[in-house]
Amino acid sequence: MKLVVSLLAVLVVVGFLLAFISYQGRVGAERELDKCRWELGAARAEGEKLSGELSSCRETLSVVEARASELESELGDTLEKVEALEGELELLQSRYTSLEEDYRVLESSYEELGEKYNNTLSELGVLRDRYTSLRENYTRVLGELESLRALHSSLRENYTQVLESYRSLESRYRELQEDYSSLVDSYGELESRYNSLQQDYEQLESSYSSLLGAVWRASLWLGFIADEEEMENFYTELLRASTEEVKELVDLAGVSGSLGLRSLDALRIASFYLFYCNDSFVRYVDPLSLSVEVWQEVLMMPNETWTSGCGDCDDLALFVYSILAATKRSGEELFLVVFYGLDFGHMGVLAVDSSRAEKRYYVVDPAGDYLNGVGIYIRLLVEAPNGTRWYLYLDPMGISWSEKNFLLQYSSIVYYDPEKDEFIEEPIVYYYTNAFDALRDWMVGYWGIWPVEKIVIIGLGVYEEFTSISDAARWVEENT
């Protein structure tokens, strides 16, 4: 194709040249003709060259066609291989999916093993520390064992020496035993005489102590105290002795918390282990008139109240005071408070918490089942023959311990809430922020005593008498 194009191009050029020669005239015709002839020769040479190249291309085409046939054959083989590879690829993809699932399972197991490894590593650290400690203890014990071995050897030698001494003493002992037998008979006679004399002595000592104690107790308990200073000293020693005494009687481990909560605990102990009873009649000889007098106001120590299981207002108040004093904390003050009306006298405990920015005052009156208005009661469900039911609320201070112990199996404990004027199962301890309200609500509001003729404040180193609630409250607030 290239050859044909080249020939057409040559013919076009030749035509153009002939026309040009004709146009230029005959003068240059020959020259142009020679030029054309030269170009024609060149064109022919180029045509021959192109013809050779065409032959070469045909040969190359034959080679290419042969190679194409070979490639088609190879392509068929390749396609067969591709199909085989596609089958293998599907199989590999299936295996890959299975392996991926196995990998995820292994990954989860690996994470669990990693966590176990970390835990084991932590435990290993602890075990290493314990091993180090045990190793040190082992070394120390080994050293002590060596010391004990040396000591054992020394003791063994001493034992041999002591054994020889013992055998010598045993021989001596047998000799002394014979002498002892002869002395026993003489000792029996002396012991009989001694026991007789001892009994006579104990009887005399008991009679003397009873007489001396009666005189001493009469001088203290029955009011023969010369002045206020002696009264203060007497009560100070009484309160100290009572506080130490109650520690041996009551388990104070459960008496804890704030002063208000401990006051409630003390009231509970008094309410459920004791009850109210009047003092027995006491007869004594008046040392001034030498006449027999009768007295029914005896202040009992906590051990006497605990043993008898009951007491009147002053006995119960001293008992509660002693519990609070035995658990007293810094910033707390305790007082026995006695007040008198026209024909009535009563005693309770005033507890003051001064450890706070605002003082708190608590009046504990076990005989009156009273803690700043809160009371403890036994609630008993009563059912009439007709099926009617109602609750009966009993003051535990009016019931003996054996009766309370029986009733508590069929009843529950409730608390009177003065703010709500109802009985509740969980107690709320209220407090006063001034002494006047605390004393007034107890004396006038609860007991209804008016006018109050005399108030006595008693504490460690304190014995103060007042004629009004306001004066007593002012003294408490100024001295706590």
Protein backbone atom coordinates (compact mmCIF):
# COMPACT_ATOMS: atom_id res chain seq x y z
CA MET A 1 0.00 0.00 0.00
CA LYS A 2 2.83 2.31 0.80
CA LEU A 3 4.40 1.52 -2.59
CA VAL A 4 1.23 2.45 -4.48
CA VAL A 5 0.97 5.66 -2.58
CA SER A 6 4.58 6.43 -3.35
CA LEU A 7 4.06 5.76 -7.07
CA LEU A 8 1.00 7.98 -7.21
CA ALA A 9 2.95 10.67 -5.50
CA VAL A 10 5.72 10.34 -8.09
CA LEU A 11 3.25 10.51 -10.99
CA VAL A 12 1.67 13.59 -9.52
CA VAL A 13 5.07 15.17 -9.19
CA VAL A 14 5.99 14.22 -12.75
CA GLY A 15 2.78 15.68 -14.12
CA PHE A 16 3.37 18.78 -12.20
CA LEU A 17 6.89 19.01 -13.53
CA LEU A 18 5.80 18.49 -17.12
CA ALA A 19 3.26 21.20 -16.85
CA PHE A 20 5.83 23.36 -15.20
CA ILE A 21 8.32 22.68 -17.98
CA SER A 22 5.78 23.50 -20.59
CA TYR A 23 4.99 26.66 -18.81
CA GLN A 24 8.60 27.70 -18.39
CA GLY A 25 9.27 27.28 -21.96
CA ARG A 26 11.35 25.26 -23.97
CA VAL A 27 14.45 26.91 -22.62
CA GLY A 28 14.48 25.13 -19.38
CA ALA A 29 12.64 22.09 -20.61
CA GLU A 30 15.67 20.00 -21.08
CA ARG A 31 17.13 20.96 -17.76
CA GLU A 32 13.94 20.21 -16.00
CA LEU A 33 13.56 17.01 -17.96
CA ASP A 34 16.99 15.87 -16.81
CA LYS A 35 16.02 16.75 -13.28
CA CYS A 36 12.81 14.84 -13.63
CA ARG A 37 14.64 11.90 -15.02
CA TRP A 38 16.98 11.97 -12.03
CA GLU A 39 14.09 12.18 -9.61
CA LEU A 40 12.33 9.38 -11.53
CA GLY A 41 15.44 7.26 -11.13
CA ALA A 42 15.47 8.09 -7.47
CA ALA A 43 11.77 7.25 -7.30
CA ARG A 44 12.36 3.94 -8.98
CA ALA A 45 15.19 3.16 -6.55
CA GLU A 46 12.88 4.11 -3.72
CA GLY A 47 10.15 1.87 -5.28
CA GLU A 48 12.56 -1.05 -5.45
CA LYS A 49 13.57 -0.40 -1.85
CA LEU A 50 9.93 -0.29 -0.80
CA SER A 51 9.26 -3.47 -2.77
CA GLY A 52 12.08 -5.17 -0.80
CA GLU A 53 10.65 -3.91 2.41
CA LEU A 54 7.18 -5.22 1.35
CA SER A 55 8.67 -8.64 0.77
CA SER A 56 10.36 -8.47 4.16
CA CYS A 57 7.07 -7.41 5.78
CA ARG A 58 5.30 -10.33 4.12
CA GLU A 59 7.92 -12.70 5.51
CA THR A 60 7.55 -11.06 8.93
CA LEU A 61 3.78 -11.35 8.62
CA SER A 62 4.13 -15.07 7.96
CA VAL A 63 6.36 -15.43 10.99
CA VAL A 64 3.87 -13.37 13.08
CA GLU A 65 0.94 -15.49 11.87
CA ALA A 66 2.86 -18.64 12.80
CA ARG A 67 3.66 -17.11 16.19
CA ALA A 68 -0.02 -16.12 16.56
CA SER A 69 -1.03 -19.73 15.99
CA GLU A 70 1.43 -20.78 18.63
CA LEU A 71 0.09 -18.09 20.98
CA GLU A 72 -3.50 -19.25 20.33
CA SER A 73 -2.44 -22.74 21.29
CA GLU A 74 -0.66 -21.38 24.36
CA LEU A 75 -3.76 -19.25 25.11
CA GLY A 76 -5.91 -22.39 25.13
CA ASP A 77 -3.50 -24.03 27.53
CA THR A 78 -3.44 -20.87 29.61
CA LEU A 79 -7.26 -20.75 29.74
CA GLU A 80 -7.31 -24.33 30.94
CA LYS A 81 -4.75 -23.42 33.59
CA VAL A 82 -6.85 -20.33 34.52
CA GLU A 83 -9.93 -22.52 34.98
CA ALA A 84 -7.89 -24.87 37.11
CA LEU A 85 -6.55 -21.91 39.08
CA GLU A 86 -10.09 -20.54 39.51
CA GLY A 87 -11.11 -23.92 41.04
CA GLU A 88 -8.10 -23.79 43.31
CA LEU A 89 -8.97 -20.15 44.12
CA GLU A 90 -12.50 -21.12 45.19
CA LEU A 91 -11.04 -23.91 47.31
CA LEU A 92 -8.53 -21.47 48.79
CA GLN A 93 -11.30 -18.93 49.47
CA SER A 94 -13.30 -21.62 51.29
CA ARG A 95 -10.22 -22.58 53.29
CA TYR A 96 -9.54 -18.87 53.91
CA THR A 97 -13.08 -18.38 55.30
CA SER A 98 -12.63 -21.40 57.54
CA LEU A 99 -9.21 -20.16 58.60
CA GLU A 100 -10.65 -16.68 59.29
CA GLU A 101 -13.27 -18.20 61.61
CA ASP A 102 -10.56 -20.27 63.29
CA TYR A 103 -8.53 -17.07 63.59
CA ARG A 104 -11.34 -15.23 65.35
CA VAL A 105 -11.77 -18.16 67.77
CA LEU A 106 -8.02 -18.20 68.31
CA GLU A 107 -8.02 -14.41 68.75
CA SER A 108 -10.71 -14.67 71.49
CA SER A 109 -8.79 -17.50 73.11
CA TYR A 110 -5.65 -15.41 72.85
CA GLU A 111 -7.28 -12.47 74.60
CA GLU A 112 -8.49 -14.79 77.39
CA LEU A 113 -5.04 -16.32 77.64
CA GLY A 114 -3.58 -12.81 77.67
CA GLU A 115 -5.80 -11.83 80.58
CA LYS A 116 -4.96 -15.08 82.38
CA TYR A 117 -1.32 -14.41 81.63
CA ASN A 118 -1.52 -10.94 83.16
CA ASN A 119 -3.32 -12.32 86.23
CA THR A 120 -0.80 -15.13 86.50
CA LEU A 121 2.00 -12.58 86.10
CA SER A 122 0.49 -10.51 88.93
CA GLU A 123 0.10 -13.59 91.11
CA LEU A 124 3.67 -14.53 90.23
CA GLY A 125 4.81 -11.15 91.55
CA VAL A 126 2.90 -11.74 94.77
CA LEU A 127 4.33 -15.25 95.04
CA ARG A 128 7.81 -13.88 94.42
CA ASP A 129 7.33 -11.38 97.23
CA ARG A 130 6.00 -14.14 99.49
CA TYR A 131 8.85 -16.38 98.43
CA THR A 132 11.35 -13.63 99.27
CA SER A 133 9.66 -13.08 102.62
CA LEU A 134 9.55 -16.83 103.31
CA ARG A 135 13.16 -17.11 102.26
CA GLU A 136 14.11 -14.39 104.72
CA ASN A 137 12.02 -16.06 107.43
CA TYR A 138 13.59 -19.39 106.56
CA THR A 139 17.08 -17.90 106.90
CA ARG A 140 16.08 -16.26 110.19
CA VAL A 141 14.46 -19.46 111.52
CA LEU A 142 17.49 -21.45 110.39
CA GLY A 143 19.67 -19.12 112.41
CA GLU A 144 17.36 -19.44 115.38
CA LEU A 145 17.44 -23.24 114.94
CA GLU A 146 21.20 -23.18 115.16
CA SER A 147 20.94 -21.05 118.28
CA LEU A 148 18.37 -23.46 119.73
CA ARG A 149 20.59 -26.40 118.93
CA ALA A 150 23.42 -24.77 120.79
CA LEU A 151 21.04 -23.93 123.65
CA HIS A 152 19.72 -27.49 123.59
CA SER A 153 23.23 -28.85 123.94
CA SER A 154 23.83 -26.52 126.85
CA LEU A 155 20.50 -27.47 128.43
CA ARG A 156 21.27 -31.13 127.92
CA GLU A 157 24.45 -30.72 129.91
CA ASN A 158 22.56 -28.76 132.57
CA TYR A 159 19.87 -31.45 132.61
CA THR A 160 22.46 -34.09 133.37
CA GLN A 161 23.75 -32.03 136.23
CA VAL A 162 20.23 -31.28 137.48
CA LEU A 163 19.34 -34.98 137.24
CA GLU A 164 22.23 -35.84 139.49
CA SER A 165 21.14 -33.10 141.89
CA TYR A 166 17.56 -34.38 141.74
CA ARG A 167 18.59 -37.86 142.66
CA SER A 168 20.48 -36.46 145.59
CA LEU A 169 17.44 -34.38 146.59
CA GLU A 170 15.15 -37.38 146.16
CA SER A 171 17.16 -39.25 148.70
CA ARG A 172 16.99 -36.26 151.00
CA TYR A 173 13.24 -35.96 150.30
CA ARG A 174 12.59 -39.49 151.46
CA GLU A 175 14.34 -38.70 154.69
CA LEU A 176 12.26 -35.54 155.11
CA GLN A 177 9.04 -37.38 154.22
CA GLU A 178 9.52 -39.61 157.19
CA ASP A 179 9.95 -36.51 159.37
CA TYR A 180 6.89 -34.92 157.68
CA SER A 181 4.66 -37.87 158.54
CA SER A 182 5.43 -37.42 162.16
CA LEU A 183 4.69 -33.68 161.90
CA VAL A 184 1.32 -34.19 160.13
CA ASP A 185 -0.24 -35.64 163.22
CA SER A 186 0.84 -32.64 165.24
CA TYR A 187 -0.32 -30.25 162.49
CA GLY A 188 -3.82 -31.79 162.43
CA GLU A 189 -4.32 -30.95 166.04
CA LEU A 190 -3.03 -27.39 165.50
CA GLU A 191 -5.23 -26.93 162.37
CA SER A 192 -8.34 -27.94 164.27
CA ARG A 193 -7.57 -25.40 166.96
CA TYR A 194 -6.74 -22.74 164.30
CA ASN A 195 -10.03 -23.27 162.41
CA SER A 196 -11.97 -22.86 165.62
CA LEU A 197 -10.13 -19.62 166.38
CA GLN A 198 -10.60 -18.43 162.75
CA GLN A 199 -14.36 -18.89 162.93
CA ASP A 200 -14.50 -16.95 166.17
CA TYR A 201 -12.40 -14.19 164.59
CA GLU A 202 -14.59 -13.98 161.44
CA GLN A 203 -17.72 -13.70 163.53
CA LEU A 204 -16.19 -10.90 165.56
CA GLU A 205 -14.91 -9.14 162.40
CA SER A 206 -18.32 -9.44 160.72
CA SER A 207 -20.06 -8.00 163.75
CA TYR A 208 -17.53 -5.17 163.96
CA SER A 209 -17.76 -4.38 160.20
CA SER A 210 -21.54 -4.41 160.27
CA LEU A 211 -21.60 -2.04 163.20
CA LEU A 212 -18.95 0.24 161.69
CA GLY A 213 -20.60 0.15 158.25
CA ALA A 214 -24.01 0.89 159.70
CA VAL A 215 -22.68 3.96 161.47
CA TRP A 216 -20.77 5.14 158.37
CA ARG A 217 -23.64 4.55 155.94
CA ALA A 218 -26.04 6.25 158.30
CA SER A 219 -23.81 9.31 158.34
CA LEU A 220 -23.67 9.41 154.53
CA TRP A 221 -26.89 7.99 153.13
CA LEU A 222 -29.33 9.31 155.68
CA GLY A 223 -28.42 12.95 155.40
CA PHE A 224 -26.07 13.65 158.27
CA ILE A 225 -23.69 15.76 156.19
CA ALA A 226 -22.52 18.93 157.85
CA ASP A 227 -22.38 21.40 154.94
CA GLU A 228 -22.54 21.87 151.17
CA GLU A 229 -18.82 21.24 150.71
CA GLU A 230 -19.12 17.81 152.33
CA MET A 231 -22.17 17.14 150.15
CA GLU A 232 -20.15 18.05 147.02
CA ASN A 233 -17.27 15.77 148.02
CA PHE A 234 -19.69 12.97 148.86
CA TYR A 235 -21.44 13.09 145.48
CA THR A 236 -18.13 13.43 143.60
CA GLU A 237 -16.84 10.22 145.15
CA LEU A 238 -20.25 8.58 144.67
CA LEU A 239 -20.31 9.39 140.94
CA ARG A 240 -16.74 8.22 140.42
CA ALA A 241 -17.34 4.96 142.25
CA SER A 242 -20.60 4.37 140.38
CA THR A 243 -18.95 5.00 136.99
CA GLU A 244 -16.20 2.45 137.68
CA GLU A 245 -18.73 0.01 139.08
CA VAL A 246 -21.03 0.03 136.06
CA LYS A 247 -18.15 -0.99 133.77
CA GLU A 248 -18.10 -4.36 135.52
CA LEU A 249 -21.88 -4.81 135.26
CA VAL A 250 -22.90 -3.70 131.75
CA ASP A 251 -21.45 -4.56 128.34
CA LEU A 252 -20.66 -1.07 127.08
CA ALA A 253 -19.41 -2.21 123.67
CA GLY A 254 -22.78 -1.45 122.08
CA VAL A 255 -23.11 2.00 123.66
CA SER A 256 -21.66 4.12 120.87
CA GLY A 257 -22.30 7.03 118.55
CA SER A 258 -23.20 10.59 119.44
CA LEU A 259 -24.22 11.66 122.95
CA GLY A 260 -27.89 11.51 121.89
CA LEU A 261 -27.59 7.95 120.60
CA ARG A 262 -25.67 6.83 123.70
CA SER A 263 -28.37 8.41 125.86
CA LEU A 264 -30.94 6.33 123.96
CA ASP A 265 -28.79 3.21 124.46
CA ALA A 266 -28.56 3.89 128.21
CA LEU A 267 -32.35 4.40 128.38
CA ARG A 268 -32.86 1.09 126.52
CA ILE A 269 -30.62 -0.80 128.96
CA ALA A 270 -32.44 0.64 131.96
CA SER A 271 -35.86 0.06 130.37
CA PHE A 272 -35.35 -3.58 129.44
CA TYR A 273 -33.18 -4.87 132.29
CA LEU A 274 -34.66 -2.86 135.18
CA PHE A 275 -38.04 -1.60 136.31
CA TYR A 276 -39.35 1.03 138.67
CA CYS A 277 -39.90 0.14 142.33
CA ASN A 278 -40.03 2.10 145.57
CA ASP A 279 -37.20 1.84 148.07
CA SER A 280 -37.72 -0.50 150.99
CA PHE A 281 -38.35 0.87 154.47
CA VAL A 282 -35.10 1.30 156.38
CA ARG A 283 -35.01 1.56 160.14
CA TYR A 284 -32.07 3.18 161.86
CA VAL A 285 -31.08 4.70 165.15
CA ASP A 286 -30.85 8.47 165.11
CA PRO A 287 -27.43 9.19 166.69
CA LEU A 288 -28.72 12.52 168.02
CA SER A 289 -31.97 11.44 169.65
CA LEU A 290 -31.06 7.75 169.99
CA SER A 291 -34.56 6.97 168.71
CA VAL A 292 -35.53 4.46 166.02
CA GLU A 293 -36.45 6.25 162.79
CA VAL A 294 -37.94 4.99 159.50
CA TRP A 295 -36.60 6.10 156.13
CA GLN A 296 -37.83 5.12 152.66
CA GLU A 297 -35.38 7.02 150.47
CA VAL A 298 -32.15 5.08 150.00
CA LEU A 299 -29.80 5.89 147.13
CA MET A 300 -28.55 2.56 145.75
CA MET A 301 -25.25 2.02 143.96
CA PRO A 302 -25.46 0.62 140.38
CA ASN A 303 -24.52 -2.88 141.55
CA GLU A 304 -27.37 -2.83 144.09
CA THR A 305 -29.83 -1.61 141.44
CA TRP A 306 -28.58 -4.20 138.94
CA THR A 307 -28.75 -7.03 141.49
CA SER A 308 -32.23 -6.13 142.74
CA GLY A 309 -33.43 -5.52 139.16
CA CYS A 310 -35.26 -2.33 140.04
CA GLY A 311 -34.99 1.07 141.67
CA ASP A 312 -36.74 4.39 142.07
CA CYS A 313 -36.00 7.60 140.16
CA ASP A 314 -32.68 8.42 141.87
CA ASP A 315 -31.38 4.83 141.62
CA LEU A 316 -32.26 4.60 137.93
CA ALA A 317 -30.89 8.09 137.20
CA LEU A 318 -27.56 7.23 138.88
CA PHE A 319 -27.44 4.00 136.84
CA VAL A 320 -27.95 5.85 133.52
CA TYR A 321 -25.51 8.59 134.58
CA SER A 322 -22.85 5.95 135.24
CA ILE A 323 -23.28 4.39 131.76
CA LEU A 324 -22.94 7.79 130.05
CA ALA A 325 -19.99 8.74 132.27
CA ALA A 326 -18.24 5.44 131.45
CA THR A 327 -18.54 6.24 127.70
CA LYS A 328 -18.04 10.01 128.05
CA ARG A 329 -16.13 11.86 125.30
CA SER A 330 -14.27 15.15 125.16
CA GLY A 331 -16.58 18.17 125.22
CA GLU A 332 -19.41 16.38 127.05
CA GLU A 333 -20.74 17.17 130.52
CA LEU A 334 -23.12 15.14 132.70
CA PHE A 335 -25.23 16.16 135.70
CA LEU A 336 -27.77 14.62 138.02
CA VAL A 337 -30.72 17.02 138.27
CA VAL A 338 -33.11 16.92 141.21
CA PHE A 339 -36.22 19.11 141.29
CA TYR A 340 -38.87 19.55 143.97
CA GLY A 341 -42.47 20.72 143.79
CA LEU A 342 -44.92 21.25 146.64
CA ASP A 343 -45.29 17.52 147.33
CA PHE A 344 -43.14 15.90 144.64
CA GLY A 345 -39.44 15.27 144.10
CA HIS A 346 -37.77 13.66 141.10
CA MET A 347 -34.29 13.02 139.64
CA GLY A 348 -33.00 12.66 136.07
CA VAL A 349 -29.82 13.15 134.04
CA LEU A 350 -28.85 16.25 132.04
CA ALA A 351 -26.31 15.49 129.26
CA VAL A 352 -24.62 18.40 127.44
CA ASP A 353 -22.67 18.08 124.17
CA SER A 354 -20.37 21.13 123.96
CA SER A 355 -18.14 19.68 121.23
CA ARG A 356 -20.26 21.26 118.47
CA ALA A 357 -20.59 24.87 117.37
CA GLU A 358 -24.13 24.80 118.79
CA LYS A 359 -24.53 23.01 122.13
CA ARG A 360 -26.99 20.15 122.41
CA TYR A 361 -28.91 19.33 125.59
CA TYR A 362 -30.50 15.98 126.45
CA VAL A 363 -32.62 15.14 129.51
CA VAL A 364 -32.68 11.39 130.26
CA ASP A 365 -35.32 10.29 132.77
CA PRO A 366 -35.36 6.46 132.96
CA ALA A 367 -38.05 6.37 135.66
CA GLY A 368 -40.29 8.48 133.41
CA ASP A 369 -39.32 6.63 130.17
CA TYR A 370 -38.24 10.00 128.76
CA LEU A 371 -35.45 11.28 126.48
CA ASN A 372 -36.26 14.81 125.32
CA GLY A 373 -39.87 13.63 124.95
CA VAL A 374 -39.01 10.32 123.23
CA GLY A 375 -40.24 7.19 125.06
CA ILE A 376 -39.69 3.44 124.65
CA TYR A 377 -42.74 1.17 124.67
CA ILE A 378 -43.66 -2.48 124.25
CA ARG A 379 -46.35 -2.79 121.57
CA LEU A 380 -48.63 -5.81 122.06
CA LEU A 381 -51.33 -6.83 119.59
CA VAL A 382 -54.53 -7.70 121.51
CA GLU A 383 -57.42 -9.64 119.97
CA ALA A 384 -60.87 -9.79 121.59
CA PRO A 385 -63.10 -12.90 121.38
CA ASN A 386 -65.22 -11.14 118.74
CA GLY A 387 -62.12 -10.75 116.50
CA THR A 388 -61.53 -7.06 117.20
CA ARG A 389 -57.84 -6.16 117.30
CA TRP A 390 -55.96 -3.22 118.74
CA TYR A 391 -52.50 -2.33 119.95
CA LEU A 392 -51.64 -2.06 123.62
CA TYR A 393 -48.64 0.14 124.47
CA LEU A 394 -46.88 -0.78 127.74
CA ASP A 395 -44.28 1.24 129.63
CA PRO A 396 -41.38 -1.21 130.23
CA MET A 397 -40.49 0.56 133.49
CA GLY A 398 -43.71 -0.72 135.04
CA ILE A 399 -42.99 -4.38 134.20
CA SER A 400 -40.54 -6.72 135.90
CA TRP A 401 -37.70 -8.28 133.91
CA SER A 402 -39.22 -11.80 133.85
CA GLU A 403 -42.54 -10.43 132.59
CA LYS A 404 -40.80 -8.26 129.99
CA ASN A 405 -38.73 -11.21 128.82
CA PHE A 406 -41.95 -13.17 128.29
CA LEU A 407 -43.84 -10.33 126.58
CA LEU A 408 -40.99 -9.54 124.17
CA GLN A 409 -41.53 -12.94 122.54
CA TYR A 410 -44.99 -11.82 121.39
CA SER A 411 -44.54 -8.08 120.96
CA SER A 412 -42.34 -5.46 119.32
CA ILE A 413 -40.46 -2.37 120.48
CA VAL A 414 -41.68 1.05 119.35
CA TYR A 415 -40.79 4.63 120.21
CA TYR A 416 -43.03 7.58 120.95
CA ASP A 417 -42.23 10.56 118.72
CA PRO A 418 -43.27 13.80 120.50
CA GLU A 419 -43.07 15.86 117.31
CA LYS A 420 -45.46 13.61 115.36
CA ASP A 421 -47.41 12.50 118.47
CA GLU A 422 -47.36 8.89 117.28
CA PHE A 423 -45.48 5.64 117.76
CA ILE A 424 -42.70 4.78 115.29
CA GLU A 425 -40.45 1.75 114.86
CA GLU A 426 -37.16 3.62 114.26
CA PRO A 427 -36.32 6.15 116.99
CA ILE A 428 -35.57 9.81 116.32
CA VAL A 429 -33.54 11.52 119.04
CA TYR A 430 -34.32 15.22 119.34
CA TYR A 431 -32.06 17.73 121.05
CA TYR A 432 -32.45 21.17 122.60
CA THR A 433 -30.17 24.10 121.81
CA ASN A 434 -30.65 25.74 125.22
CA ALA A 435 -30.83 24.37 128.75
CA PHE A 436 -33.96 26.32 129.76
CA ASP A 437 -36.23 24.65 127.17
CA ALA A 438 -34.80 21.22 127.99
CA LEU A 439 -35.42 21.59 131.76
CA ARG A 440 -38.79 23.36 131.42
CA ASP A 441 -40.27 20.80 129.00
CA TRP A 442 -39.17 17.99 131.31
CA MET A 443 -40.25 19.46 134.67
CA VAL A 444 -43.32 21.46 133.68
CA GLY A 445 -44.34 20.05 130.30
CA TYR A 446 -43.87 16.34 131.04
CA TRP A 447 -44.33 16.08 134.81
CA GLY A 448 -46.65 19.07 135.20
CA ILE A 449 -44.82 20.40 138.28
CA TRP A 450 -45.50 24.08 138.90
CA PRO A 451 -44.20 25.94 140.71
CA VAL A 452 -40.77 24.32 140.91
CA GLU A 453 -39.53 25.20 144.39
CA LYS A 454 -35.93 23.93 144.23
CA ILE A 455 -33.52 22.51 141.67
CA VAL A 456 -30.23 20.79 142.56
CA ILE A 457 -27.47 20.29 139.94
CA ILE A 458 -25.00 17.53 140.93
CA GLY A 459 -21.83 16.52 139.08
CA LEU A 460 -18.12 15.87 139.56
CA GLY A 461 -17.07 18.68 141.88
CA VAL A 462 -20.53 20.29 141.51
CA TYR A 463 -23.36 20.70 143.99
CA GLU A 464 -25.50 23.75 143.18
CA GLU A 465 -28.98 24.67 144.42
CA PHE A 466 -31.40 27.00 142.58
CA THR A 467 -34.93 28.27 143.14
CA SER A 468 -35.94 28.68 139.47
CA ILE A 469 -35.51 26.89 136.16
CA SER A 470 -34.04 29.99 134.52
CA ASP A 471 -31.29 30.31 137.17
CA ALA A 472 -30.40 26.63 136.89
CA ALA A 473 -30.35 26.80 133.08
CA ARG A 474 -28.20 29.93 133.09
CA TRP A 475 -25.66 28.23 135.37
CA VAL A 476 -25.54 25.14 133.11
CA GLU A 477 -25.03 27.18 129.95
CA GLU A 478 -22.28 29.30 131.56
CA ASN A 479 -20.41 26.30 133.01
CA THR A 480 -20.44 23.85 130.06
